[in-house]
Amino acid sequence: MASKVVRGASAVTAQALTFSRVAGFAQPALVNGDAGLVTRSQGTAGSRHGLTIAHGKIVEINILADPARLSQLDVAVLSD
């Protein structure tokens, strides 16, 4: 999957919804020590979403779905 930059609340929301439809499961996680999400589809890793938060709002979302790069991340899934 090629990298791309998406800007603007509406465009980012539409892109995030695309990923949410594909993922069968999403769970809060720490991705390289920062807030994020882990998605899974049919039991396998789907993507990692790193979130940048400023002043209580999400200001950036980095979505990584490349299996080779996913294996290089430090991910800690958060439990209830």
PDB file of N, CA and C in Angstrom:
ATOM      1  N   MET A   1       0.846  -1.169   0.000  1.00  0.00           N
ATOM      2  CA  MET A   1       0.000   0.000   0.000  1.00  0.00           C
ATOM      3  C   MET A   1       0.896   1.237   0.000  1.00  0.00           C
ATOM      4  N   ALA A   2       0.649   2.146  -0.895  1.00  0.00           N
ATOM      5  CA  ALA A   2       1.449   3.355  -0.993  1.00  0.00           C
ATOM      6  C   ALA A   2       1.081   4.335   0.111  1.00  0.00           C
ATOM      7  N   SER A   3       2.079   5.094   0.552  1.00  0.00           N
ATOM      8  CA  SER A   3       1.827   6.128   1.563  1.00  0.00           C
ATOM      9  C   SER A   3       1.118   7.310   0.927  1.00  0.00           C
ATOM     10  N   LYS A   4       0.286   7.958   1.734  1.00  0.00           N
ATOM     11  CA  LYS A   4      -0.354   9.180   1.258  1.00  0.00           C
ATOM     12  C   LYS A   4      -0.673  10.060   2.451  1.00  0.00           C
ATOM     13  N   VAL A   5      -0.789  11.342   2.193  1.00  0.00           N
ATOM     14  CA  VAL A   5      -1.141  12.307   3.227  1.00  0.00           C
ATOM     15  C   VAL A   5      -2.582  12.732   2.989  1.00  0.00           C
ATOM     16  N   VAL A   6      -3.372  12.709   4.048  1.00  0.00           N
ATOM     17  CA  VAL A   6      -4.764  13.138   3.980  1.00  0.00           C
ATOM     18  C   VAL A   6      -4.912  14.284   4.966  1.00  0.00           C
ATOM     19  N   ARG A   7      -5.459  15.395   4.524  1.00  0.00           N
ATOM     20  CA  ARG A   7      -5.605  16.568   5.383  1.00  0.00           C
ATOM     21  C   ARG A   7      -7.063  17.026   5.432  1.00  0.00           C
ATOM     22  N   GLY A   8      -7.435  17.604   6.560  1.00  0.00           N
ATOM     23  CA  GLY A   8      -8.783  18.124   6.741  1.00  0.00           C
ATOM     24  C   GLY A   8      -9.654  17.122   7.471  1.00  0.00           C
ATOM     25  N   ALA A   9     -10.481  17.636   8.366  1.00  0.00           N
ATOM     26  CA  ALA A   9     -11.291  16.775   9.228  1.00  0.00           C
ATOM     27  C   ALA A   9     -12.175  15.815   8.438  1.00  0.00           C
ATOM     28  N   SER A  10     -12.842  16.283   7.400  1.00  0.00           N
ATOM     29  CA  SER A  10     -13.750  15.421   6.629  1.00  0.00           C
ATOM     30  C   SER A  10     -12.992  14.319   5.909  1.00  0.00           C
ATOM     31  N   ALA A  11     -11.887  14.674   5.276  1.00  0.00           N
ATOM     32  CA  ALA A  11     -11.098  13.681   4.531  1.00  0.00           C
ATOM     33  C   ALA A  11     -10.473  12.656   5.472  1.00  0.00           C
ATOM     34  N   VAL A  12      -9.969  13.107   6.618  1.00  0.00           N
ATOM     35  CA  VAL A  12      -9.366  12.192   7.588  1.00  0.00           C
ATOM     36  C   VAL A  12     -10.428  11.256   8.163  1.00  0.00           C
ATOM     37  N   THR A  13     -11.600  11.788   8.462  1.00  0.00           N
ATOM     38  CA  THR A  13     -12.693  10.963   8.979  1.00  0.00           C
ATOM     39  C   THR A  13     -13.085   9.894   7.968  1.00  0.00           C
ATOM     40  N   ALA A  14     -13.201  10.263   6.708  1.00  0.00           N
ATOM     41  CA  ALA A  14     -13.554   9.300   5.661  1.00  0.00           C
ATOM     42  C   ALA A  14     -12.499   8.203   5.560  1.00  0.00           C
ATOM     43  N   GLN A  15     -11.222   8.570   5.634  1.00  0.00           N
ATOM     44  CA  GLN A  15     -10.151   7.583   5.564  1.00  0.00           C
ATOM     45  C   GLN A  15     -10.181   6.658   6.781  1.00  0.00           C
ATOM     46  N   ALA A  16     -10.405   7.224   7.957  1.00  0.00           N
ATOM     47  CA  ALA A  16     -10.479   6.412   9.175  1.00  0.00           C
ATOM     48  C   ALA A  16     -11.652   5.441   9.112  1.00  0.00           C
ATOM     49  N   LEU A  17     -12.780   5.881   8.578  1.00  0.00           N
ATOM     50  CA  LEU A  17     -13.940   4.998   8.438  1.00  0.00           C
ATOM     51  C   LEU A  17     -13.656   3.840   7.488  1.00  0.00           C
ATOM     52  N   THR A  18     -12.863   4.096   6.456  1.00  0.00           N
ATOM     53  CA  THR A  18     -12.467   3.029   5.542  1.00  0.00           C
ATOM     54  C   THR A  18     -11.728   1.941   6.302  1.00  0.00           C
ATOM     55  N   PHE A  19     -10.774   2.323   7.145  1.00  0.00           N
ATOM     56  CA  PHE A  19     -10.035   1.344   7.922  1.00  0.00           C
ATOM     57  C   PHE A  19     -10.929   0.649   8.941  1.00  0.00           C
ATOM     58  N   SER A  20     -11.870   1.381   9.531  1.00  0.00           N
ATOM     59  CA  SER A  20     -12.727   0.762  10.545  1.00  0.00           C
ATOM     60  C   SER A  20     -13.647  -0.294   9.934  1.00  0.00           C
ATOM     61  N   ARG A  21     -14.032  -0.130   8.691  1.00  0.00           N
ATOM     62  CA  ARG A  21     -14.877  -1.129   8.027  1.00  0.00           C
ATOM     63  C   ARG A  21     -14.100  -2.405   7.732  1.00  0.00           C
ATOM     64  N   VAL A  22     -12.808  -2.269   7.445  1.00  0.00           N
ATOM     65  CA  VAL A  22     -11.969  -3.416   7.117  1.00  0.00           C
ATOM     66  C   VAL A  22     -11.589  -4.187   8.373  1.00  0.00           C
ATOM     67  N   ALA A  23     -11.335  -3.472   9.449  1.00  0.00           N
ATOM     68  CA  ALA A  23     -10.880  -4.111  10.683  1.00  0.00           C
ATOM     69  C   ALA A  23     -12.049  -4.772  11.404  1.00  0.00           C
ATOM     70  N   GLY A  24     -11.859  -6.001  11.787  1.00  0.00           N
ATOM     71  CA  GLY A  24     -12.879  -6.682  12.560  1.00  0.00           C
ATOM     72  C   GLY A  24     -12.748  -6.401  14.037  1.00  0.00           C
ATOM     73  N   PHE A  25     -11.626  -5.813  14.433  1.00  0.00           N
ATOM     74  CA  PHE A  25     -11.327  -5.627  15.842  1.00  0.00           C
ATOM     75  C   PHE A  25     -10.358  -4.457  15.988  1.00  0.00           C
ATOM     76  N   ALA A  26     -10.611  -3.554  16.897  1.00  0.00           N
ATOM     77  CA  ALA A  26      -9.686  -2.457  17.187  1.00  0.00           C
ATOM     78  C   ALA A  26      -9.566  -2.326  18.697  1.00  0.00           C
ATOM     79  N   GLN A  27      -8.348  -2.100  19.169  1.00  0.00           N
ATOM     80  CA  GLN A  27      -8.111  -2.017  20.602  1.00  0.00           C
ATOM     81  C   GLN A  27      -7.098  -0.905  20.883  1.00  0.00           C
ATOM     82  N   PRO A  28      -7.310  -0.143  21.968  1.00  0.00           N
ATOM     83  CA  PRO A  28      -6.326   0.881  22.331  1.00  0.00           C
ATOM     84  C   PRO A  28      -4.965   0.251  22.598  1.00  0.00           C
ATOM     85  N   ALA A  29      -3.905   0.972  22.226  1.00  0.00           N
ATOM     86  CA  ALA A  29      -2.553   0.453  22.411  1.00  0.00           C
ATOM     87  C   ALA A  29      -1.571   1.603  22.524  1.00  0.00           C
ATOM     88  N   LEU A  30      -0.397   1.301  23.028  1.00  0.00           N
ATOM     89  CA  LEU A  30       0.728   2.218  22.947  1.00  0.00           C
ATOM     90  C   LEU A  30       1.557   1.776  21.749  1.00  0.00           C
ATOM     91  N   VAL A  31       1.780   2.690  20.814  1.00  0.00           N
ATOM     92  CA  VAL A  31       2.570   2.414  19.621  1.00  0.00           C
ATOM     93  C   VAL A  31       3.841   3.240  19.735  1.00  0.00           C
ATOM     94  N   ASN A  32       4.966   2.549  19.954  1.00  0.00           N
ATOM     95  CA  ASN A  32       6.239   3.223  20.206  1.00  0.00           C
ATOM     96  C   ASN A  32       6.119   4.221  21.356  1.00  0.00           C
ATOM     97  N   GLY A  33       5.340   3.850  22.367  1.00  0.00           N
ATOM     98  CA  GLY A  33       5.197   4.665  23.563  1.00  0.00           C
ATOM     99  C   GLY A  33       4.140   5.747  23.499  1.00  0.00           C
ATOM    100  N   ASP A  34       3.481   5.901  22.367  1.00  0.00           N
ATOM    101  CA  ASP A  34       2.465   6.938  22.208  1.00  0.00           C
ATOM    102  C   ASP A  34       1.080   6.319  22.031  1.00  0.00           C
ATOM    103  N   ALA A  35       0.033   7.119  22.246  1.00  0.00           N
ATOM    104  CA  ALA A  35      -1.346   6.651  22.102  1.00  0.00           C
ATOM    105  C   ALA A  35      -1.599   6.131  20.698  1.00  0.00           C
ATOM    106  N   GLY A  36      -2.369   5.047  20.610  1.00  0.00           N
ATOM    107  CA  GLY A  36      -2.686   4.503  19.301  1.00  0.00           C
ATOM    108  C   GLY A  36      -3.748   3.433  19.366  1.00  0.00           C
ATOM    109  N   LEU A  37      -3.936   2.767  18.241  1.00  0.00           N
ATOM    110  CA  LEU A  37      -4.885   1.664  18.102  1.00  0.00           C
ATOM    111  C   LEU A  37      -4.220   0.526  17.346  1.00  0.00           C
ATOM    112  N   VAL A  38      -4.651  -0.683  17.650  1.00  0.00           N
ATOM    113  CA  VAL A  38      -4.243  -1.875  16.914  1.00  0.00           C
ATOM    114  C   VAL A  38      -5.496  -2.457  16.301  1.00  0.00           C
ATOM    115  N   THR A  39      -5.465  -2.763  15.022  1.00  0.00           N
ATOM    116  CA  THR A  39      -6.613  -3.420  14.393  1.00  0.00           C
ATOM    117  C   THR A  39      -6.231  -4.835  13.999  1.00  0.00           C
ATOM    118  N   ARG A  40      -7.221  -5.695  14.010  1.00  0.00           N
ATOM    119  CA  ARG A  40      -7.023  -7.087  13.597  1.00  0.00           C
ATOM    120  C   ARG A  40      -8.206  -7.477  12.722  1.00  0.00           C
ATOM    121  N   SER A  41      -7.928  -8.325  11.762  1.00  0.00           N
ATOM    122  CA  SER A  41      -8.966  -8.857  10.900  1.00  0.00           C
ATOM    123  C   SER A  41      -8.755 -10.361  10.790  1.00  0.00           C
ATOM    124  N   GLN A  42      -9.721 -11.127  11.199  1.00  0.00           N
ATOM    125  CA  GLN A  42      -9.658 -12.580  11.177  1.00  0.00           C
ATOM    126  C   GLN A  42      -8.426 -13.102  11.919  1.00  0.00           C
ATOM    127  N   GLY A  43      -8.109 -12.470  13.056  1.00  0.00           N
ATOM    128  CA  GLY A  43      -7.045 -12.935  13.922  1.00  0.00           C
ATOM    129  C   GLY A  43      -5.638 -12.509  13.561  1.00  0.00           C
ATOM    130  N   THR A  44      -5.463 -11.799  12.467  1.00  0.00           N
ATOM    131  CA  THR A  44      -4.124 -11.357  12.095  1.00  0.00           C
ATOM    132  C   THR A  44      -4.013  -9.848  12.202  1.00  0.00           C
ATOM    133  N   ALA A  45      -2.783  -9.369  12.432  1.00  0.00           N
ATOM    134  CA  ALA A  45      -2.548  -7.935  12.553  1.00  0.00           C
ATOM    135  C   ALA A  45      -2.951  -7.246  11.265  1.00  0.00           C
ATOM    136  N   GLY A  46      -3.730  -6.193  11.403  1.00  0.00           N
ATOM    137  CA  GLY A  46      -4.171  -5.445  10.234  1.00  0.00           C
ATOM    138  C   GLY A  46      -3.433  -4.143  10.074  1.00  0.00           C
ATOM    139  N   SER A  47      -3.412  -3.329  11.131  1.00  0.00           N
ATOM    140  CA  SER A  47      -2.738  -2.041  11.057  1.00  0.00           C
ATOM    141  C   SER A  47      -2.490  -1.492  12.452  1.00  0.00           C
ATOM    142  N   ARG A  48      -1.625  -0.526  12.491  1.00  0.00           N
ATOM    143  CA  ARG A  48      -1.345   0.220  13.716  1.00  0.00           C
ATOM    144  C   ARG A  48      -1.636   1.681  13.427  1.00  0.00           C
ATOM    145  N   HIS A  49      -2.369   2.314  14.320  1.00  0.00           N
ATOM    146  CA  HIS A  49      -2.730   3.715  14.167  1.00  0.00           C
ATOM    147  C   HIS A  49      -2.055   4.486  15.296  1.00  0.00           C
ATOM    148  N   GLY A  50      -1.070   5.288  14.965  1.00  0.00           N
ATOM    149  CA  GLY A  50      -0.432   6.143  15.953  1.00  0.00           C
ATOM    150  C   GLY A  50      -1.160   7.473  16.004  1.00  0.00           C
ATOM    151  N   LEU A  51      -1.466   7.947  17.204  1.00  0.00           N
ATOM    152  CA  LEU A  51      -2.218   9.195  17.365  1.00  0.00           C
ATOM    153  C   LEU A  51      -1.335  10.258  17.999  1.00  0.00           C
ATOM    154  N   THR A  52      -1.388  11.459  17.453  1.00  0.00           N
ATOM    155  CA  THR A  52      -0.737  12.608  18.070  1.00  0.00           C
ATOM    156  C   THR A  52      -1.842  13.462  18.666  1.00  0.00           C
ATOM    157  N   ILE A  53      -1.736  13.717  19.964  1.00  0.00           N
ATOM    158  CA  ILE A  53      -2.771  14.467  20.681  1.00  0.00           C
ATOM    159  C   ILE A  53      -2.184  15.771  21.191  1.00  0.00           C
ATOM    160  N   ALA A  54      -2.894  16.870  20.950  1.00  0.00           N
ATOM    161  CA  ALA A  54      -2.484  18.184  21.446  1.00  0.00           C
ATOM    162  C   ALA A  54      -3.718  18.910  21.972  1.00  0.00           C
ATOM    163  N   HIS A  55      -3.605  19.450  23.158  1.00  0.00           N
ATOM    164  CA  HIS A  55      -4.710  20.196  23.779  1.00  0.00           C
ATOM    165  C   HIS A  55      -5.994  19.374  23.840  1.00  0.00           C
ATOM    166  N   GLY A  56      -5.850  18.059  24.111  1.00  0.00           N
ATOM    167  CA  GLY A  56      -7.002  17.193  24.278  1.00  0.00           C
ATOM    168  C   GLY A  56      -7.679  16.757  22.990  1.00  0.00           C
ATOM    169  N   LYS A  57      -7.056  17.031  21.825  1.00  0.00           N
ATOM    170  CA  LYS A  57      -7.651  16.639  20.543  1.00  0.00           C
ATOM    171  C   LYS A  57      -6.640  15.846  19.719  1.00  0.00           C
ATOM    172  N   ILE A  58      -7.148  14.910  18.935  1.00  0.00           N
ATOM    173  CA  ILE A  58      -6.287  14.198  17.995  1.00  0.00           C
ATOM    174  C   ILE A  58      -5.969  15.152  16.859  1.00  0.00           C
ATOM    175  N   VAL A  59      -4.682  15.406  16.643  1.00  0.00           N
ATOM    176  CA  VAL A  59      -4.274  16.333  15.584  1.00  0.00           C
ATOM    177  C   VAL A  59      -3.562  15.623  14.434  1.00  0.00           C
ATOM    178  N   GLU A  60      -3.209  14.363  14.642  1.00  0.00           N
ATOM    179  CA  GLU A  60      -2.550  13.608  13.573  1.00  0.00           C
ATOM    180  C   GLU A  60      -2.791  12.121  13.808  1.00  0.00           C
ATOM    181  N   ILE A  61      -3.025  11.398  12.720  1.00  0.00           N
ATOM    182  CA  ILE A  61      -3.177   9.950  12.770  1.00  0.00           C
ATOM    183  C   ILE A  61      -2.223   9.364  11.741  1.00  0.00           C
ATOM    184  N   ASN A  62      -1.339   8.476  12.199  1.00  0.00           N
ATOM    185  CA  ASN A  62      -0.433   7.775  11.294  1.00  0.00           C
ATOM    186  C   ASN A  62      -0.857   6.321  11.254  1.00  0.00           C
ATOM    187  N   ILE A  63      -1.261   5.868  10.068  1.00  0.00           N
ATOM    188  CA  ILE A  63      -1.734   4.498   9.907  1.00  0.00           C
ATOM    189  C   ILE A  63      -0.677   3.708   9.151  1.00  0.00           C
ATOM    190  N   LEU A  64      -0.282   2.598   9.733  1.00  0.00           N
ATOM    191  CA  LEU A  64       0.710   1.734   9.116  1.00  0.00           C
ATOM    192  C   LEU A  64       0.100   0.357   8.910  1.00  0.00           C
ATOM    193  N   ALA A  65       0.116  -0.123   7.672  1.00  0.00           N
ATOM    194  CA  ALA A  65      -0.454  -1.432   7.373  1.00  0.00           C
ATOM    195  C   ALA A  65       0.533  -2.348   6.658  1.00  0.00           C
ATOM    196  N   ASP A  66       1.760  -1.929   6.477  1.00  0.00           N
ATOM    197  CA  ASP A  66       2.787  -2.729   5.809  1.00  0.00           C
ATOM    198  C   ASP A  66       3.313  -3.798   6.764  1.00  0.00           C
ATOM    199  N   PRO A  67       3.072  -5.093   6.473  1.00  0.00           N
ATOM    200  CA  PRO A  67       3.476  -6.157   7.399  1.00  0.00           C
ATOM    201  C   PRO A  67       4.952  -6.129   7.781  1.00  0.00           C
ATOM    202  N   ALA A  68       5.832  -5.816   6.855  1.00  0.00           N
ATOM    203  CA  ALA A  68       7.268  -5.782   7.158  1.00  0.00           C
ATOM    204  C   ALA A  68       7.580  -4.684   8.171  1.00  0.00           C
ATOM    205  N   ARG A  69       6.961  -3.549   8.021  1.00  0.00           N
ATOM    206  CA  ARG A  69       7.202  -2.440   8.951  1.00  0.00           C
ATOM    207  C   ARG A  69       6.473  -2.642  10.271  1.00  0.00           C
ATOM    208  N   LEU A  70       5.305  -3.311  10.246  1.00  0.00           N
ATOM    209  CA  LEU A  70       4.555  -3.563  11.478  1.00  0.00           C
ATOM    210  C   LEU A  70       5.392  -4.362  12.471  1.00  0.00           C
ATOM    211  N   SER A  71       6.162  -5.300  11.964  1.00  0.00           N
ATOM    212  CA  SER A  71       6.962  -6.156  12.836  1.00  0.00           C
ATOM    213  C   SER A  71       8.072  -5.389  13.545  1.00  0.00           C
ATOM    214  N   GLN A  72       8.399  -4.198  13.092  1.00  0.00           N
ATOM    215  CA  GLN A  72       9.464  -3.392  13.687  1.00  0.00           C
ATOM    216  C   GLN A  72       8.960  -2.468  14.790  1.00  0.00           C
ATOM    217  N   LEU A  73       7.649  -2.360  14.970  1.00  0.00           N
ATOM    218  CA  LEU A  73       7.086  -1.455  15.968  1.00  0.00           C
ATOM    219  C   LEU A  73       7.059  -2.080  17.355  1.00  0.00           C
ATOM    220  N   ASP A  74       7.192  -1.231  18.349  1.00  0.00           N
ATOM    221  CA  ASP A  74       7.001  -1.627  19.746  1.00  0.00           C
ATOM    222  C   ASP A  74       5.554  -1.310  20.083  1.00  0.00           C
ATOM    223  N   VAL A  75       4.722  -2.351  20.219  1.00  0.00           N
ATOM    224  CA  VAL A  75       3.289  -2.159  20.462  1.00  0.00           C
ATOM    225  C   VAL A  75       2.891  -2.852  21.747  1.00  0.00           C
ATOM    226  N   ALA A  76       2.206  -2.117  22.627  1.00  0.00           N
ATOM    227  CA  ALA A  76       1.671  -2.685  23.875  1.00  0.00           C
ATOM    228  C   ALA A  76       0.159  -2.464  23.859  1.00  0.00           C
ATOM    229  N   VAL A  77      -0.576  -3.554  23.688  1.00  0.00           N
ATOM    230  CA  VAL A  77      -2.038  -3.473  23.693  1.00  0.00           C
ATOM    231  C   VAL A  77      -2.498  -3.198  25.102  1.00  0.00           C
ATOM    232  N   LEU A  78      -3.407  -2.241  25.273  1.00  0.00           N
ATOM    233  CA  LEU A  78      -3.911  -1.865  26.589  1.00  0.00           C
ATOM    234  C   LEU A  78      -5.141  -2.684  26.930  1.00  0.00           C
ATOM    235  N   SER A  79      -5.244  -3.124  28.145  1.00  0.00           N
ATOM    236  CA  SER A  79      -6.409  -3.889  28.579  1.00  0.00           C
ATOM    237  C   SER A  79      -7.303  -3.021  29.444  1.00  0.00           C
ATOM    238  N   ASP A  80      -8.526  -3.501  29.686  1.00  0.00           N
ATOM    239  CA  ASP A  80      -9.498  -2.753  30.492  1.00  0.00           C
ATOM    240  C   ASP A  80      -9.037  -2.632  31.924  1.00  0.00           C
TER     241      ASP A  80
END
